[in-house]
Amino acid sequence: MKISANFRKWISSLGLASLLLVAGGAAANSIRMFTLSADEWARPRSGDVIPELASVRAAVSYWGRGADAILLIRHPGEDSGELWAAELRDWLISLGVPSDYIRLIPGTQEADEITLVVGNRDELEQ
């Protein structure tokens, strides 16, 4: 499988930033939300496109800063929302977020958007 130079560069910089932040003892101390619209998601998806989506990039970057951060995917509850969230979860896993750190939350969004919620496990699992 061929990986683009931009994707490798993005992953390398994300990994370095995460390593520096974890080594420095930084932790997520508040919850952040990032919205992904259906229009953005309607673009053809690939390993080059997904990391360029501003909300995905910001959410993964913020997740990488937390010592025990998790990522919630709040999505529309109907079948199409569940499929959208599951595909997004698969992309996040391919970007390096372990599946144990991702939760799908159905039925909490408008039909045309997904919200990525990132925060400390204790804050979000209450």
Protein backbone atom coordinates (compact mmCIF):
# COMPACT_ATOMS: atom_id res chain seq x y z
CA MET A 1 0.00 0.00 0.00
CA LYS A 2 1.44 3.36 -1.01
CA ILE A 3 1.30 6.10 1.63
CA SER A 4 1.53 9.69 0.47
CA ALA A 5 4.36 11.91 1.65
CA ASN A 6 1.87 14.41 3.12
CA PHE A 7 0.20 11.71 5.20
CA ARG A 8 3.55 10.40 6.47
CA LYS A 9 4.63 13.95 7.32
CA TRP A 10 1.35 14.61 9.17
CA ILE A 11 1.60 11.35 11.16
CA SER A 12 5.27 12.02 11.99
CA SER A 13 4.56 15.52 13.25
CA LEU A 14 1.54 14.29 15.24
CA GLY A 15 3.64 11.51 16.77
CA LEU A 16 6.47 13.87 17.69
CA ALA A 17 4.07 16.42 19.19
CA SER A 18 2.33 13.67 21.19
CA LEU A 19 5.64 12.31 22.46
CA LEU A 20 6.81 15.76 23.55
CA LEU A 21 3.54 16.52 25.30
CA VAL A 22 3.37 13.18 27.11
CA ALA A 23 7.02 13.49 28.15
CA GLY A 24 6.28 16.95 29.49
CA GLY A 25 3.38 15.66 31.60
CA ALA A 26 0.68 17.51 29.67
CA ALA A 27 -2.84 16.18 30.05
CA ALA A 28 -6.22 17.14 28.69
CA ASN A 29 -7.87 19.22 31.38
CA SER A 30 -11.01 20.18 29.55
CA ILE A 31 -13.42 18.77 27.02
CA ARG A 32 -13.21 19.94 23.42
CA MET A 33 -15.78 19.43 20.66
CA PHE A 34 -15.16 19.37 16.92
CA THR A 35 -17.96 19.21 14.33
CA LEU A 36 -17.78 17.28 11.07
CA SER A 37 -20.53 18.14 8.60
CA ALA A 38 -22.15 15.77 6.14
CA ASP A 39 -20.96 18.03 3.31
CA GLU A 40 -17.33 17.63 4.39
CA TRP A 41 -17.79 13.87 4.74
CA ALA A 42 -19.41 13.63 1.28
CA ARG A 43 -16.04 14.26 -0.36
CA PRO A 44 -14.32 11.14 -1.70
CA ARG A 45 -12.39 9.68 1.23
CA SER A 46 -8.83 8.41 1.15
CA GLY A 47 -5.73 8.32 3.31
CA ASP A 48 -4.84 11.76 1.93
CA VAL A 49 -8.25 13.38 2.48
CA ILE A 50 -9.23 12.25 6.00
CA PRO A 51 -6.22 13.80 7.80
CA GLU A 52 -6.91 17.07 5.99
CA LEU A 53 -10.43 17.41 7.43
CA ALA A 54 -10.00 20.21 9.97
CA SER A 55 -12.23 18.67 12.64
CA VAL A 56 -10.57 15.25 12.39
CA ARG A 57 -7.08 16.73 12.47
CA ALA A 58 -7.91 18.93 15.47
CA ALA A 59 -9.63 16.11 17.39
CA VAL A 60 -6.78 13.63 16.86
CA SER A 61 -4.23 16.29 17.77
CA TYR A 62 -6.08 17.19 20.97
CA TRP A 63 -6.58 13.50 21.81
CA GLY A 64 -2.81 12.97 21.49
CA ARG A 65 -2.14 15.60 24.15
CA GLY A 66 -4.07 13.85 26.92
CA ALA A 67 -2.59 11.21 29.18
CA ASP A 68 -5.91 9.38 29.46
CA ALA A 69 -7.99 11.11 26.78
CA ILE A 70 -10.80 9.39 24.91
CA LEU A 71 -12.68 10.38 21.78
CA LEU A 72 -16.48 10.21 21.61
CA ILE A 73 -18.18 10.18 18.23
CA ARG A 74 -21.66 11.64 18.73
CA HIS A 75 -23.69 10.76 15.64
CA PRO A 76 -27.24 10.72 14.28
CA GLY A 77 -29.05 7.62 15.48
CA GLU A 78 -30.46 6.28 12.23
CA ASP A 79 -28.69 3.63 10.13
CA SER A 80 -26.84 6.14 7.98
CA GLY A 81 -25.52 7.88 11.12
CA GLU A 82 -24.30 4.59 12.54
CA LEU A 83 -22.56 3.72 9.27
CA TRP A 84 -20.97 7.18 9.11
CA ALA A 85 -19.71 6.91 12.71
CA ALA A 86 -18.38 3.38 12.19
CA GLU A 87 -16.47 4.44 9.08
CA LEU A 88 -15.09 7.49 10.89
CA ARG A 89 -14.02 5.23 13.79
CA ASP A 90 -12.18 2.99 11.31
CA TRP A 91 -10.38 6.00 9.83
CA LEU A 92 -9.41 7.24 13.31
CA ILE A 93 -7.98 3.82 14.11
CA SER A 94 -5.98 3.93 10.88
CA LEU A 95 -4.66 7.35 11.97
CA GLY A 96 -3.33 5.83 15.18
CA VAL A 97 -6.13 6.21 17.73
CA PRO A 98 -6.52 2.82 19.46
CA SER A 99 -10.08 1.46 19.34
CA ASP A 100 -10.18 1.32 23.18
CA TYR A 101 -10.07 5.13 23.18
CA ILE A 102 -13.05 5.63 20.85
CA ARG A 103 -16.72 5.49 21.84
CA LEU A 104 -19.75 5.80 19.55
CA ILE A 105 -22.71 7.70 21.02
CA PRO A 106 -25.89 7.37 18.88
CA GLY A 107 -28.86 9.67 18.54
CA THR A 108 -27.33 12.83 19.91
CA GLN A 109 -26.80 14.90 16.78
CA GLU A 110 -28.56 16.56 13.91
CA ALA A 111 -28.81 14.35 10.82
CA ASP A 112 -26.18 16.36 8.94
CA GLU A 113 -23.28 16.35 11.41
CA ILE A 114 -21.09 14.36 13.75
CA THR A 115 -19.44 15.84 16.81
CA LEU A 116 -16.08 14.56 17.96
CA VAL A 117 -15.78 15.09 21.71
CA VAL A 118 -12.31 14.75 23.22
CA GLY A 119 -11.50 14.82 26.90
CA ASN A 120 -10.17 12.97 29.89
CA ARG A 121 -11.69 9.50 30.39
CA ASP A 122 -12.89 10.42 33.90
CA GLU A 123 -14.63 13.58 32.62
CA LEU A 124 -16.40 11.87 29.74
CA GLU A 125 -17.34 8.52 31.27
CA GLN A 126 -19.37 9.95 34.14
